[in-house]
Amino acid sequence: MPDDDKVNPQLAYHYQKCYKQLCEGQSNETLAQEAIGGLLKDIKKYGNIPIELLKQASSLIHETMPISNLLREATDWLALYDTVESLSQKSFGRVRGIELATRATKEYLYELQYSEHIVLLSADTIFHDITMKYLYHLYRADFAKKATASCRYYPGVDQEIINTRLAEMYPQVIIRLEKITEQLMNKGNVSTLRLPHTHQAQISTTANLLDADLFQLVSGGK
């Protein structure tokens, strides 16, 4: 797409249609489907290296996870963070994807470290939850934050309107990120990912892991 055809020059070409629809007030399902279609291109661009990093980190966390609140105090959390950083440094691929995967993993570790109660989880469950965080970081960094910061590109639409519409489409985005995560768990290869078509109304409890990000997004936080 030539630059002259872009509605919002801060967004990549594959988010232009979604941004225009967002400004026009299209339905939440339409917006989410279009946004995730753009996101799939970014996921594939960043490749399998971030996914492999998430898998390694999931196994590491599962193996070292304290089995009780008592043992949590004796856990060397700093060493865990350092090991995650080491895994990141040994990963060779697109830097942005690796950085976002590393951030998602460290956020998960932080939540585990300071959670009220330790719950034993399988490596698959940990991989699922961290992957959801990674995908949401991509969505937020590559689309939502840029859309929020660039309202001047569409007449009659201000930041409050964009924030409200992004918040309203959030549940539909999460449903689709869940579906993509399931595909990654089943096949583990970004090249096989397909755009999920769903009218599912129920949202996984994984969405709770992302509520803080939603608050920051709607409130204009960084």
N, C-alpha and C. Protein backbone atom coordinates (compact mmCIF):
# COMPACT_ATOMS: atom_id res chain seq x y z
N MET A 1 0.84 -1.19 0.00
CA MET A 1 0.00 0.00 0.00
C MET A 1 0.88 1.25 0.00
N PRO A 2 0.72 2.13 -1.00
CA PRO A 2 1.50 3.36 -1.02
C PRO A 2 1.20 4.21 0.20
N ASP A 3 2.21 4.98 0.67
CA ASP A 3 2.04 5.79 1.86
C ASP A 3 0.88 6.77 1.73
N ASP A 4 0.64 7.26 0.51
CA ASP A 4 -0.44 8.23 0.30
C ASP A 4 -1.81 7.63 0.58
N ASP A 5 -1.92 6.29 0.52
CA ASP A 5 -3.20 5.63 0.74
C ASP A 5 -3.44 5.29 2.21
N LYS A 6 -2.47 5.54 3.06
CA LYS A 6 -2.61 5.19 4.47
C LYS A 6 -3.48 6.22 5.20
N VAL A 7 -4.43 5.70 5.97
CA VAL A 7 -5.25 6.56 6.81
C VAL A 7 -4.45 7.03 8.01
N ASN A 8 -3.63 6.13 8.56
CA ASN A 8 -2.79 6.42 9.72
C ASN A 8 -1.37 5.97 9.41
N PRO A 9 -0.47 6.90 9.11
CA PRO A 9 0.88 6.53 8.70
C PRO A 9 1.71 5.85 9.78
N GLN A 10 1.27 5.91 11.04
CA GLN A 10 2.01 5.25 12.10
C GLN A 10 1.76 3.74 12.13
N LEU A 11 0.68 3.31 11.51
CA LEU A 11 0.33 1.90 11.50
C LEU A 11 0.81 1.22 10.23
N ALA A 12 1.15 -0.06 10.35
CA ALA A 12 1.54 -0.84 9.18
C ALA A 12 0.35 -0.96 8.23
N TYR A 13 0.66 -1.25 6.96
CA TYR A 13 -0.39 -1.28 5.93
C TYR A 13 -1.51 -2.25 6.27
N HIS A 14 -1.17 -3.39 6.96
CA HIS A 14 -2.19 -4.39 7.21
C HIS A 14 -3.11 -4.05 8.38
N TYR A 15 -2.92 -2.87 8.99
CA TYR A 15 -3.85 -2.40 10.02
C TYR A 15 -4.67 -1.19 9.55
N GLN A 16 -4.44 -0.73 8.33
CA GLN A 16 -5.10 0.48 7.87
C GLN A 16 -6.62 0.32 7.78
N LYS A 17 -7.07 -0.82 7.26
CA LYS A 17 -8.51 -1.05 7.12
C LYS A 17 -9.17 -1.11 8.49
N CYS A 18 -8.52 -1.78 9.43
CA CYS A 18 -9.07 -1.88 10.77
C CYS A 18 -9.15 -0.52 11.44
N TYR A 19 -8.12 0.29 11.26
CA TYR A 19 -8.12 1.63 11.86
C TYR A 19 -9.27 2.46 11.30
N LYS A 20 -9.48 2.38 10.01
CA LYS A 20 -10.57 3.12 9.38
C LYS A 20 -11.92 2.64 9.92
N GLN A 21 -12.07 1.31 10.03
CA GLN A 21 -13.31 0.75 10.57
C GLN A 21 -13.51 1.15 12.03
N LEU A 22 -12.41 1.22 12.78
CA LEU A 22 -12.46 1.63 14.18
C LEU A 22 -12.99 3.06 14.28
N CYS A 23 -12.48 3.93 13.44
CA CYS A 23 -12.92 5.32 13.44
C CYS A 23 -14.38 5.46 12.99
N GLU A 24 -14.81 4.56 12.12
CA GLU A 24 -16.19 4.61 11.60
C GLU A 24 -17.19 3.97 12.54
N GLY A 25 -16.71 3.23 13.55
CA GLY A 25 -17.61 2.61 14.51
C GLY A 25 -18.21 1.30 14.06
N GLN A 26 -17.42 0.49 13.34
CA GLN A 26 -17.90 -0.83 12.92
C GLN A 26 -18.12 -1.73 14.13
N SER A 27 -18.77 -2.86 13.91
CA SER A 27 -19.09 -3.78 15.01
C SER A 27 -17.81 -4.33 15.64
N ASN A 28 -17.92 -4.72 16.90
CA ASN A 28 -16.77 -5.24 17.62
C ASN A 28 -16.22 -6.50 16.98
N GLU A 29 -17.09 -7.38 16.50
CA GLU A 29 -16.62 -8.61 15.85
C GLU A 29 -15.88 -8.29 14.56
N THR A 30 -16.38 -7.35 13.79
CA THR A 30 -15.71 -6.96 12.55
C THR A 30 -14.34 -6.37 12.84
N LEU A 31 -14.27 -5.51 13.85
CA LEU A 31 -13.00 -4.87 14.22
C LEU A 31 -11.99 -5.89 14.71
N ALA A 32 -12.44 -6.79 15.58
CA ALA A 32 -11.53 -7.80 16.14
C ALA A 32 -11.00 -8.72 15.04
N GLN A 33 -11.89 -9.12 14.14
CA GLN A 33 -11.48 -10.02 13.07
C GLN A 33 -10.44 -9.36 12.16
N GLU A 34 -10.66 -8.10 11.85
CA GLU A 34 -9.73 -7.38 10.98
C GLU A 34 -8.40 -7.13 11.70
N ALA A 35 -8.46 -6.78 12.98
CA ALA A 35 -7.24 -6.53 13.74
C ALA A 35 -6.40 -7.79 13.88
N ILE A 36 -7.05 -8.91 14.17
CA ILE A 36 -6.31 -10.17 14.34
C ILE A 36 -5.78 -10.66 13.00
N GLY A 37 -6.48 -10.34 11.92
CA GLY A 37 -5.93 -10.66 10.60
C GLY A 37 -4.62 -9.95 10.36
N GLY A 38 -4.54 -8.69 10.77
CA GLY A 38 -3.28 -7.95 10.68
C GLY A 38 -2.23 -8.50 11.62
N LEU A 39 -2.67 -8.85 12.83
CA LEU A 39 -1.74 -9.38 13.82
C LEU A 39 -1.09 -10.68 13.36
N LEU A 40 -1.84 -11.52 12.67
CA LEU A 40 -1.29 -12.78 12.17
C LEU A 40 -0.08 -12.53 11.28
N LYS A 41 -0.14 -11.47 10.50
CA LYS A 41 1.01 -11.13 9.64
C LYS A 41 2.23 -10.79 10.49
N ASP A 42 2.01 -10.08 11.59
CA ASP A 42 3.13 -9.74 12.47
C ASP A 42 3.66 -10.98 13.19
N ILE A 43 2.77 -11.84 13.66
CA ILE A 43 3.19 -13.07 14.34
C ILE A 43 4.08 -13.90 13.41
N LYS A 44 3.66 -14.02 12.17
CA LYS A 44 4.44 -14.81 11.21
C LYS A 44 5.75 -14.10 10.86
N LYS A 45 5.72 -12.77 10.84
CA LYS A 45 6.94 -12.01 10.56
C LYS A 45 7.99 -12.24 11.64
N TYR A 46 7.56 -12.28 12.90
CA TYR A 46 8.49 -12.50 14.01
C TYR A 46 8.94 -13.95 14.11
N GLY A 47 8.18 -14.85 13.51
CA GLY A 47 8.65 -16.22 13.36
C GLY A 47 8.48 -17.11 14.57
N ASN A 48 9.11 -18.29 14.50
CA ASN A 48 8.98 -19.31 15.54
C ASN A 48 9.93 -19.13 16.72
N ILE A 49 10.96 -18.29 16.57
CA ILE A 49 11.94 -18.14 17.64
C ILE A 49 11.30 -17.67 18.94
N PRO A 50 10.42 -16.64 18.92
CA PRO A 50 9.77 -16.25 20.18
C PRO A 50 8.92 -17.38 20.78
N ILE A 51 8.29 -18.18 19.93
CA ILE A 51 7.47 -19.29 20.42
C ILE A 51 8.35 -20.35 21.08
N GLU A 52 9.50 -20.62 20.48
CA GLU A 52 10.44 -21.57 21.09
C GLU A 52 10.95 -21.05 22.43
N LEU A 53 11.19 -19.75 22.50
CA LEU A 53 11.62 -19.14 23.76
C LEU A 53 10.55 -19.32 24.83
N LEU A 54 9.29 -19.12 24.45
CA LEU A 54 8.19 -19.29 25.40
C LEU A 54 8.07 -20.74 25.87
N LYS A 55 8.31 -21.67 24.97
CA LYS A 55 8.26 -23.09 25.35
C LYS A 55 9.37 -23.43 26.35
N GLN A 56 10.57 -22.95 26.07
CA GLN A 56 11.69 -23.21 26.98
C GLN A 56 11.43 -22.58 28.35
N ALA A 57 10.92 -21.36 28.34
CA ALA A 57 10.64 -20.66 29.59
C ALA A 57 9.54 -21.37 30.37
N SER A 58 8.54 -21.89 29.67
CA SER A 58 7.44 -22.61 30.33
C SER A 58 7.95 -23.85 31.04
N SER A 59 8.83 -24.59 30.38
CA SER A 59 9.41 -25.78 31.01
C SER A 59 10.26 -25.40 32.21
N LEU A 60 11.04 -24.33 32.08
CA LEU A 60 11.87 -23.85 33.18
C LEU A 60 11.01 -23.49 34.39
N ILE A 61 9.96 -22.73 34.17
CA ILE A 61 9.10 -22.30 35.27
C ILE A 61 8.41 -23.50 35.91
N HIS A 62 7.96 -24.42 35.08
CA HIS A 62 7.29 -25.61 35.61
C HIS A 62 8.24 -26.43 36.49
N GLU A 63 9.47 -26.56 36.06
CA GLU A 63 10.44 -27.37 36.81
C GLU A 63 10.88 -26.72 38.11
N THR A 64 10.86 -25.40 38.15
CA THR A 64 11.37 -24.69 39.34
C THR A 64 10.27 -24.06 40.18
N MET A 65 9.02 -24.23 39.77
CA MET A 65 7.91 -23.61 40.48
C MET A 65 7.82 -24.15 41.91
N PRO A 66 7.76 -23.28 42.91
CA PRO A 66 7.61 -23.75 44.30
C PRO A 66 6.28 -24.45 44.49
N ILE A 67 6.28 -25.51 45.28
CA ILE A 67 5.06 -26.31 45.44
C ILE A 67 4.20 -25.82 46.60
N SER A 68 4.64 -24.79 47.30
CA SER A 68 3.84 -24.23 48.39
C SER A 68 4.24 -22.79 48.63
N ASN A 69 3.38 -22.06 49.33
CA ASN A 69 3.69 -20.67 49.66
C ASN A 69 4.94 -20.58 50.53
N LEU A 70 5.15 -21.60 51.36
CA LEU A 70 6.32 -21.62 52.23
C LEU A 70 7.61 -21.68 51.41
N LEU A 71 7.61 -22.59 50.42
CA LEU A 71 8.80 -22.76 49.59
C LEU A 71 9.03 -21.58 48.65
N ARG A 72 7.98 -20.82 48.41
CA ARG A 72 8.14 -19.67 47.54
C ARG A 72 9.17 -18.69 48.10
N GLU A 73 9.18 -18.56 49.43
CA GLU A 73 10.12 -17.65 50.07
C GLU A 73 11.57 -18.07 49.84
N ALA A 74 11.77 -19.38 49.66
CA ALA A 74 13.13 -19.89 49.47
C ALA A 74 13.53 -19.96 48.00
N THR A 75 12.60 -19.65 47.11
CA THR A 75 12.88 -19.70 45.68
C THR A 75 13.79 -18.54 45.27
N ASP A 76 14.79 -18.86 44.47
CA ASP A 76 15.71 -17.82 43.99
C ASP A 76 15.10 -17.18 42.74
N TRP A 77 14.22 -16.22 42.95
CA TRP A 77 13.51 -15.60 41.84
C TRP A 77 14.47 -14.82 40.93
N LEU A 78 15.46 -14.19 41.51
CA LEU A 78 16.41 -13.43 40.70
C LEU A 78 17.13 -14.35 39.72
N ALA A 79 17.47 -15.55 40.18
CA ALA A 79 18.11 -16.52 39.29
C ALA A 79 17.18 -16.93 38.16
N LEU A 80 15.88 -17.04 38.46
CA LEU A 80 14.91 -17.38 37.43
C LEU A 80 14.83 -16.28 36.36
N TYR A 81 14.76 -15.03 36.82
CA TYR A 81 14.74 -13.91 35.87
C TYR A 81 16.01 -13.91 35.03
N ASP A 82 17.14 -14.17 35.66
CA ASP A 82 18.42 -14.19 34.94
C ASP A 82 18.45 -15.31 33.91
N THR A 83 17.87 -16.46 34.27
CA THR A 83 17.85 -17.59 33.32
C THR A 83 16.98 -17.26 32.12
N VAL A 84 15.85 -16.62 32.37
CA VAL A 84 14.98 -16.19 31.27
C VAL A 84 15.72 -15.22 30.37
N GLU A 85 16.44 -14.28 30.97
CA GLU A 85 17.21 -13.32 30.19
C GLU A 85 18.30 -14.02 29.38
N SER A 86 18.90 -15.06 29.97
CA SER A 86 19.92 -15.82 29.26
C SER A 86 19.32 -16.55 28.06
N LEU A 87 18.14 -17.13 28.24
CA LEU A 87 17.44 -17.78 27.12
C LEU A 87 17.16 -16.77 26.01
N SER A 88 16.78 -15.58 26.43
CA SER A 88 16.50 -14.52 25.45
C SER A 88 17.74 -14.15 24.66
N GLN A 89 18.88 -13.99 25.37
CA GLN A 89 20.12 -13.60 24.72
C GLN A 89 20.63 -14.65 23.75
N LYS A 90 20.27 -15.90 24.00
CA LYS A 90 20.70 -17.00 23.13
C LYS A 90 19.76 -17.23 21.96
N SER A 91 18.68 -16.47 21.90
CA SER A 91 17.70 -16.59 20.82
C SER A 91 18.09 -15.66 19.68
N PHE A 92 18.12 -16.17 18.48
CA PHE A 92 18.52 -15.38 17.32
C PHE A 92 17.36 -15.30 16.34
N GLY A 93 16.86 -14.10 16.17
CA GLY A 93 15.74 -13.86 15.27
C GLY A 93 15.43 -12.38 15.29
N ARG A 94 14.22 -12.03 14.92
CA ARG A 94 13.82 -10.62 14.95
C ARG A 94 13.80 -10.14 16.40
N VAL A 95 14.53 -9.09 16.66
CA VAL A 95 14.74 -8.63 18.03
C VAL A 95 13.42 -8.26 18.70
N ARG A 96 12.53 -7.60 17.99
CA ARG A 96 11.28 -7.13 18.59
C ARG A 96 10.45 -8.30 19.11
N GLY A 97 10.32 -9.36 18.32
CA GLY A 97 9.54 -10.51 18.76
C GLY A 97 10.15 -11.16 19.99
N ILE A 98 11.46 -11.28 20.00
CA ILE A 98 12.16 -11.88 21.15
C ILE A 98 11.98 -11.02 22.39
N GLU A 99 12.07 -9.69 22.22
CA GLU A 99 11.90 -8.80 23.36
C GLU A 99 10.50 -8.90 23.95
N LEU A 100 9.49 -8.99 23.10
CA LEU A 100 8.11 -9.07 23.60
C LEU A 100 7.84 -10.41 24.26
N ALA A 101 8.44 -11.48 23.74
CA ALA A 101 8.30 -12.79 24.37
C ALA A 101 8.98 -12.80 25.73
N THR A 102 10.13 -12.16 25.82
CA THR A 102 10.86 -12.07 27.09
C THR A 102 10.06 -11.26 28.10
N ARG A 103 9.49 -10.16 27.66
CA ARG A 103 8.68 -9.33 28.55
C ARG A 103 7.48 -10.11 29.08
N ALA A 104 6.81 -10.85 28.19
CA ALA A 104 5.65 -11.64 28.61
C ALA A 104 6.05 -12.67 29.67
N THR A 105 7.20 -13.30 29.48
CA THR A 105 7.67 -14.31 30.43
C THR A 105 8.00 -13.69 31.78
N LYS A 106 8.68 -12.56 31.77
CA LYS A 106 9.05 -11.91 33.04
C LYS A 106 7.83 -11.39 33.77
N GLU A 107 6.83 -10.94 33.03
CA GLU A 107 5.58 -10.51 33.66
C GLU A 107 4.90 -11.69 34.35
N TYR A 108 4.91 -12.83 33.66
CA TYR A 108 4.31 -14.03 34.24
C TYR A 108 5.04 -14.43 35.52
N LEU A 109 6.36 -14.39 35.48
CA LEU A 109 7.16 -14.70 36.67
C LEU A 109 6.84 -13.75 37.82
N TYR A 110 6.71 -12.50 37.50
CA TYR A 110 6.41 -11.49 38.53
C TYR A 110 5.06 -11.79 39.18
N GLU A 111 4.07 -12.11 38.36
CA GLU A 111 2.74 -12.42 38.89
C GLU A 111 2.79 -13.68 39.76
N LEU A 112 3.58 -14.65 39.33
CA LEU A 112 3.73 -15.88 40.11
C LEU A 112 4.42 -15.60 41.44
N GLN A 113 5.45 -14.79 41.39
CA GLN A 113 6.22 -14.46 42.59
C GLN A 113 5.36 -13.77 43.65
N TYR A 114 4.46 -12.90 43.22
CA TYR A 114 3.70 -12.10 44.17
C TYR A 114 2.22 -12.48 44.23
N SER A 115 1.86 -13.62 43.67
CA SER A 115 0.47 -14.07 43.75
C SER A 115 0.12 -14.45 45.18
N GLU A 116 -1.15 -14.37 45.49
CA GLU A 116 -1.59 -14.66 46.86
C GLU A 116 -1.39 -16.12 47.22
N HIS A 117 -1.66 -17.01 46.26
CA HIS A 117 -1.51 -18.44 46.51
C HIS A 117 -0.80 -19.10 45.33
N ILE A 118 0.07 -20.03 45.61
CA ILE A 118 0.74 -20.81 44.58
C ILE A 118 -0.20 -21.93 44.10
N VAL A 119 -0.40 -22.00 42.81
CA VAL A 119 -1.20 -23.08 42.21
C VAL A 119 -0.30 -23.85 41.25
N LEU A 120 -0.18 -25.15 41.47
CA LEU A 120 0.66 -25.95 40.60
C LEU A 120 0.03 -26.06 39.21
N LEU A 121 0.81 -25.74 38.20
CA LEU A 121 0.33 -25.75 36.83
C LEU A 121 1.23 -26.62 35.97
N SER A 122 0.64 -27.20 34.94
CA SER A 122 1.43 -27.99 33.99
C SER A 122 2.22 -27.05 33.10
N ALA A 123 3.24 -27.61 32.45
CA ALA A 123 4.04 -26.81 31.51
C ALA A 123 3.17 -26.30 30.37
N ASP A 124 2.20 -27.12 29.94
CA ASP A 124 1.30 -26.71 28.85
C ASP A 124 0.45 -25.51 29.26
N THR A 125 -0.04 -25.53 30.49
CA THR A 125 -0.86 -24.41 30.97
C THR A 125 -0.03 -23.14 31.07
N ILE A 126 1.19 -23.29 31.55
CA ILE A 126 2.08 -22.12 31.64
C ILE A 126 2.38 -21.58 30.24
N PHE A 127 2.66 -22.48 29.30
CA PHE A 127 2.92 -22.06 27.92
C PHE A 127 1.71 -21.33 27.35
N HIS A 128 0.52 -21.85 27.60
CA HIS A 128 -0.70 -21.21 27.13
C HIS A 128 -0.80 -19.78 27.66
N ASP A 129 -0.60 -19.62 28.98
CA ASP A 129 -0.78 -18.31 29.59
C ASP A 129 0.28 -17.31 29.14
N ILE A 130 1.52 -17.77 29.02
CA ILE A 130 2.58 -16.86 28.58
C ILE A 130 2.40 -16.50 27.11
N THR A 131 1.96 -17.46 26.31
CA THR A 131 1.72 -17.18 24.89
C THR A 131 0.62 -16.16 24.72
N MET A 132 -0.44 -16.26 25.53
CA MET A 132 -1.49 -15.26 25.49
C MET A 132 -0.93 -13.87 25.78
N LYS A 133 -0.05 -13.79 26.76
CA LYS A 133 0.57 -12.51 27.08
C LYS A 133 1.40 -11.99 25.91
N TYR A 134 2.17 -12.89 25.30
CA TYR A 134 3.00 -12.50 24.16
C TYR A 134 2.14 -11.95 23.02
N LEU A 135 1.07 -12.67 22.69
CA LEU A 135 0.20 -12.25 21.59
C LEU A 135 -0.46 -10.92 21.90
N TYR A 136 -0.86 -10.74 23.15
CA TYR A 136 -1.50 -9.48 23.50
C TYR A 136 -0.50 -8.32 23.47
N HIS A 137 0.74 -8.59 23.87
CA HIS A 137 1.77 -7.55 23.76
C HIS A 137 1.95 -7.13 22.30
N LEU A 138 1.94 -8.11 21.41
CA LEU A 138 2.06 -7.79 19.98
C LEU A 138 0.89 -6.94 19.52
N TYR A 139 -0.30 -7.36 19.88
CA TYR A 139 -1.52 -6.63 19.48
C TYR A 139 -1.47 -5.19 20.00
N ARG A 140 -1.10 -5.07 21.25
CA ARG A 140 -1.10 -3.74 21.86
C ARG A 140 -0.01 -2.85 21.26
N ALA A 141 1.20 -3.42 21.08
CA ALA A 141 2.32 -2.61 20.60
C ALA A 141 2.16 -2.24 19.13
N ASP A 142 1.69 -3.20 18.32
CA ASP A 142 1.68 -2.97 16.87
C ASP A 142 0.39 -2.34 16.36
N PHE A 143 -0.70 -2.43 17.17
CA PHE A 143 -1.94 -1.82 16.71
C PHE A 143 -2.56 -0.87 17.74
N ALA A 144 -2.95 -1.40 18.90
CA ALA A 144 -3.80 -0.62 19.81
C ALA A 144 -3.15 0.68 20.28
N LYS A 145 -1.90 0.61 20.72
CA LYS A 145 -1.24 1.83 21.23
C LYS A 145 -1.04 2.86 20.12
N LYS A 146 -0.70 2.38 18.93
CA LYS A 146 -0.49 3.31 17.82
C LYS A 146 -1.81 3.93 17.37
N ALA A 147 -2.87 3.15 17.41
CA ALA A 147 -4.19 3.68 17.05
C ALA A 147 -4.63 4.74 18.04
N THR A 148 -4.37 4.50 19.32
CA THR A 148 -4.76 5.44 20.37
C THR A 148 -3.98 6.74 20.29
N ALA A 149 -2.72 6.63 19.91
CA ALA A 149 -1.84 7.80 19.91
C ALA A 149 -1.98 8.65 18.66
N SER A 150 -2.82 8.21 17.71
CA SER A 150 -2.81 8.87 16.40
C SER A 150 -4.20 9.26 15.94
N CYS A 151 -5.02 9.77 16.84
CA CYS A 151 -6.41 10.06 16.51
C CYS A 151 -6.56 11.24 15.54
N ARG A 152 -5.54 12.05 15.43
CA ARG A 152 -5.64 13.24 14.58
C ARG A 152 -5.78 12.90 13.10
N TYR A 153 -5.56 11.63 12.75
CA TYR A 153 -5.57 11.27 11.34
C TYR A 153 -6.98 11.04 10.78
N TYR A 154 -7.99 11.06 11.64
CA TYR A 154 -9.35 10.82 11.16
C TYR A 154 -10.27 11.91 11.71
N PRO A 155 -10.86 12.72 10.82
CA PRO A 155 -11.68 13.86 11.26
C PRO A 155 -12.84 13.43 12.15
N GLY A 156 -13.06 14.18 13.22
CA GLY A 156 -14.20 13.94 14.08
C GLY A 156 -14.02 12.83 15.09
N VAL A 157 -12.84 12.23 15.14
CA VAL A 157 -12.58 11.13 16.07
C VAL A 157 -11.46 11.54 17.02
N ASP A 158 -11.74 11.49 18.33
CA ASP A 158 -10.72 11.87 19.30
C ASP A 158 -10.24 10.64 20.08
N GLN A 159 -9.29 10.87 20.98
CA GLN A 159 -8.68 9.76 21.72
C GLN A 159 -9.69 9.02 22.59
N GLU A 160 -10.61 9.76 23.18
CA GLU A 160 -11.61 9.12 24.05
C GLU A 160 -12.48 8.14 23.26
N ILE A 161 -12.86 8.52 22.05
CA ILE A 161 -13.67 7.64 21.21
C ILE A 161 -12.90 6.38 20.86
N ILE A 162 -11.63 6.54 20.45
CA ILE A 162 -10.80 5.39 20.09
C ILE A 162 -10.61 4.48 21.29
N ASN A 163 -10.30 5.05 22.46
CA ASN A 163 -10.12 4.25 23.68
C ASN A 163 -11.36 3.43 24.00
N THR A 164 -12.52 4.08 23.90
CA THR A 164 -13.78 3.41 24.20
C THR A 164 -14.02 2.24 23.25
N ARG A 165 -13.79 2.46 21.98
CA ARG A 165 -14.03 1.41 20.99
C ARG A 165 -13.04 0.26 21.13
N LEU A 166 -11.78 0.59 21.45
CA LEU A 166 -10.79 -0.47 21.69
C LEU A 166 -11.19 -1.31 22.90
N ALA A 167 -11.69 -0.66 23.94
CA ALA A 167 -12.12 -1.39 25.12
C ALA A 167 -13.33 -2.27 24.81
N GLU A 168 -14.23 -1.78 24.00
CA GLU A 168 -15.43 -2.54 23.65
C GLU A 168 -15.11 -3.77 22.81
N MET A 169 -14.08 -3.68 21.97
CA MET A 169 -13.73 -4.82 21.12
C MET A 169 -12.79 -5.79 21.82
N TYR A 170 -12.28 -5.40 22.97
CA TYR A 170 -11.31 -6.21 23.72
C TYR A 170 -11.76 -7.65 23.93
N PRO A 171 -13.00 -7.91 24.40
CA PRO A 171 -13.40 -9.31 24.60
C PRO A 171 -13.33 -10.14 23.33
N GLN A 172 -13.69 -9.54 22.19
CA GLN A 172 -13.63 -10.27 20.93
C GLN A 172 -12.18 -10.52 20.50
N VAL A 173 -11.29 -9.59 20.82
CA VAL A 173 -9.86 -9.79 20.54
C VAL A 173 -9.34 -10.97 21.36
N ILE A 174 -9.68 -11.01 22.65
CA ILE A 174 -9.21 -12.08 23.53
C ILE A 174 -9.68 -13.45 23.05
N ILE A 175 -10.93 -13.53 22.62
CA ILE A 175 -11.46 -14.80 22.09
C ILE A 175 -10.59 -15.30 20.95
N ARG A 176 -10.20 -14.40 20.07
CA ARG A 176 -9.41 -14.80 18.90
C ARG A 176 -7.95 -15.10 19.28
N LEU A 177 -7.42 -14.38 20.24
CA LEU A 177 -6.07 -14.70 20.71
C LEU A 177 -6.05 -16.09 21.36
N GLU A 178 -7.12 -16.44 22.04
CA GLU A 178 -7.23 -17.79 22.60
C GLU A 178 -7.16 -18.83 21.50
N LYS A 179 -7.87 -18.59 20.43
CA LYS A 179 -7.90 -19.54 19.32
C LYS A 179 -6.52 -19.68 18.67
N ILE A 180 -5.82 -18.57 18.53
CA ILE A 180 -4.48 -18.62 17.95
C ILE A 180 -3.53 -19.36 18.89
N THR A 181 -3.67 -19.11 20.19
CA THR A 181 -2.85 -19.82 21.18
C THR A 181 -3.08 -21.33 21.09
N GLU A 182 -4.33 -21.74 20.93
CA GLU A 182 -4.64 -23.16 20.78
C GLU A 182 -3.95 -23.74 19.55
N GLN A 183 -3.95 -22.98 18.46
CA GLN A 183 -3.26 -23.46 17.25
C GLN A 183 -1.77 -23.64 17.51
N LEU A 184 -1.18 -22.70 18.23
CA LEU A 184 0.25 -22.79 18.52
C LEU A 184 0.55 -23.97 19.44
N MET A 185 -0.34 -24.25 20.37
CA MET A 185 -0.15 -25.38 21.27
C MET A 185 -0.26 -26.70 20.51
N ASN A 186 -1.12 -26.74 19.53
CA ASN A 186 -1.33 -27.98 18.77
C ASN A 186 -0.24 -28.23 17.74
N LYS A 187 0.22 -27.17 17.08
CA LYS A 187 1.16 -27.35 15.97
C LYS A 187 2.52 -26.69 16.21
N GLY A 188 2.54 -25.63 16.99
CA GLY A 188 3.81 -25.01 17.35
C GLY A 188 4.56 -24.33 16.23
N ASN A 189 3.86 -23.99 15.15
CA ASN A 189 4.53 -23.37 14.01
C ASN A 189 3.68 -22.21 13.51
N VAL A 190 4.27 -21.01 13.50
CA VAL A 190 3.49 -19.83 13.12
C VAL A 190 3.05 -19.87 11.67
N SER A 191 3.77 -20.59 10.83
CA SER A 191 3.41 -20.63 9.41
C SER A 191 2.09 -21.33 9.16
N THR A 192 1.64 -22.13 10.12
CA THR A 192 0.39 -22.88 9.95
C THR A 192 -0.82 -22.13 10.53
N LEU A 193 -0.59 -20.98 11.12
CA LEU A 193 -1.68 -20.25 11.76
C LEU A 193 -2.72 -19.78 10.74
N ARG A 194 -3.97 -19.89 11.13
CA ARG A 194 -5.09 -19.44 10.31
C ARG A 194 -5.96 -18.49 11.12
N LEU A 195 -6.58 -17.55 10.43
CA LEU A 195 -7.45 -16.58 11.10
C LEU A 195 -8.66 -17.31 11.66
N PRO A 196 -8.87 -17.24 12.98
CA PRO A 196 -10.02 -17.92 13.57
C PRO A 196 -11.33 -17.22 13.24
N HIS A 197 -12.33 -18.00 12.91
CA HIS A 197 -13.67 -17.47 12.68
C HIS A 197 -14.54 -17.96 13.82
N THR A 198 -14.99 -17.03 14.63
CA THR A 198 -15.74 -17.44 15.81
C THR A 198 -16.79 -16.40 16.16
N HIS A 199 -17.91 -16.91 16.66
CA HIS A 199 -18.96 -16.05 17.22
C HIS A 199 -19.15 -16.41 18.68
N GLN A 200 -18.14 -17.05 19.24
CA GLN A 200 -18.19 -17.51 20.61
C GLN A 200 -18.33 -16.32 21.57
N ALA A 201 -19.25 -16.42 22.51
CA ALA A 201 -19.49 -15.32 23.44
C ALA A 201 -18.72 -15.48 24.73
N GLN A 202 -18.35 -16.71 25.07
CA GLN A 202 -17.69 -16.95 26.34
C GLN A 202 -16.22 -16.61 26.25
N ILE A 203 -15.70 -15.97 27.28
CA ILE A 203 -14.31 -15.56 27.33
C ILE A 203 -13.58 -16.38 28.37
N SER A 204 -12.41 -16.86 28.02
CA SER A 204 -11.61 -17.65 28.95
C SER A 204 -11.18 -16.81 30.14
N THR A 205 -10.93 -17.49 31.25
CA THR A 205 -10.43 -16.79 32.43
C THR A 205 -9.04 -16.22 32.20
N THR A 206 -8.38 -16.65 31.12
CA THR A 206 -7.07 -16.09 30.79
C THR A 206 -7.16 -14.58 30.60
N ALA A 207 -8.34 -14.10 30.21
CA ALA A 207 -8.51 -12.66 30.03
C ALA A 207 -8.19 -11.90 31.29
N ASN A 208 -8.37 -12.53 32.44
CA ASN A 208 -8.07 -11.85 33.70
C ASN A 208 -6.60 -11.48 33.79
N LEU A 209 -5.73 -12.27 33.15
CA LEU A 209 -4.31 -11.99 33.18
C LEU A 209 -3.98 -10.69 32.48
N LEU A 210 -4.91 -10.22 31.64
CA LEU A 210 -4.63 -9.06 30.81
C LEU A 210 -5.42 -7.82 31.24
N ASP A 211 -6.17 -7.92 32.33
CA ASP A 211 -7.01 -6.81 32.74
C ASP A 211 -6.20 -5.55 33.02
N ALA A 212 -5.01 -5.69 33.59
CA ALA A 212 -4.18 -4.52 33.88
C ALA A 212 -3.79 -3.81 32.61
N ASP A 213 -3.47 -4.59 31.56
CA ASP A 213 -3.13 -3.98 30.28
C ASP A 213 -4.31 -3.23 29.70
N LEU A 214 -5.51 -3.81 29.84
CA LEU A 214 -6.70 -3.16 29.33
C LEU A 214 -6.92 -1.84 30.04
N PHE A 215 -6.74 -1.82 31.37
CA PHE A 215 -6.92 -0.59 32.13
C PHE A 215 -5.94 0.47 31.65
N GLN A 216 -4.67 0.08 31.45
CA GLN A 216 -3.67 1.02 31.00
C GLN A 216 -4.04 1.57 29.63
N LEU A 217 -4.55 0.70 28.76
CA LEU A 217 -4.87 1.10 27.40
C LEU A 217 -6.02 2.11 27.41
N VAL A 218 -7.09 1.80 28.16
CA VAL A 218 -8.25 2.65 28.18
C VAL A 218 -7.97 3.98 28.88
N SER A 219 -7.11 3.92 29.90
CA SER A 219 -6.81 5.13 30.67
C SER A 219 -5.71 5.96 30.03
N GLY A 220 -5.15 5.44 28.92
CA GLY A 220 -4.09 6.18 28.23
C GLY A 220 -2.74 5.99 28.82
N GLY A 221 -2.58 4.94 29.67
CA GLY A 221 -1.28 4.67 30.30
C GLY A 221 -0.32 4.11 29.31
N LYS A 222 0.98 4.14 29.69
CA LYS A 222 2.04 3.63 28.83
C LYS A 222 2.24 2.14 29.08
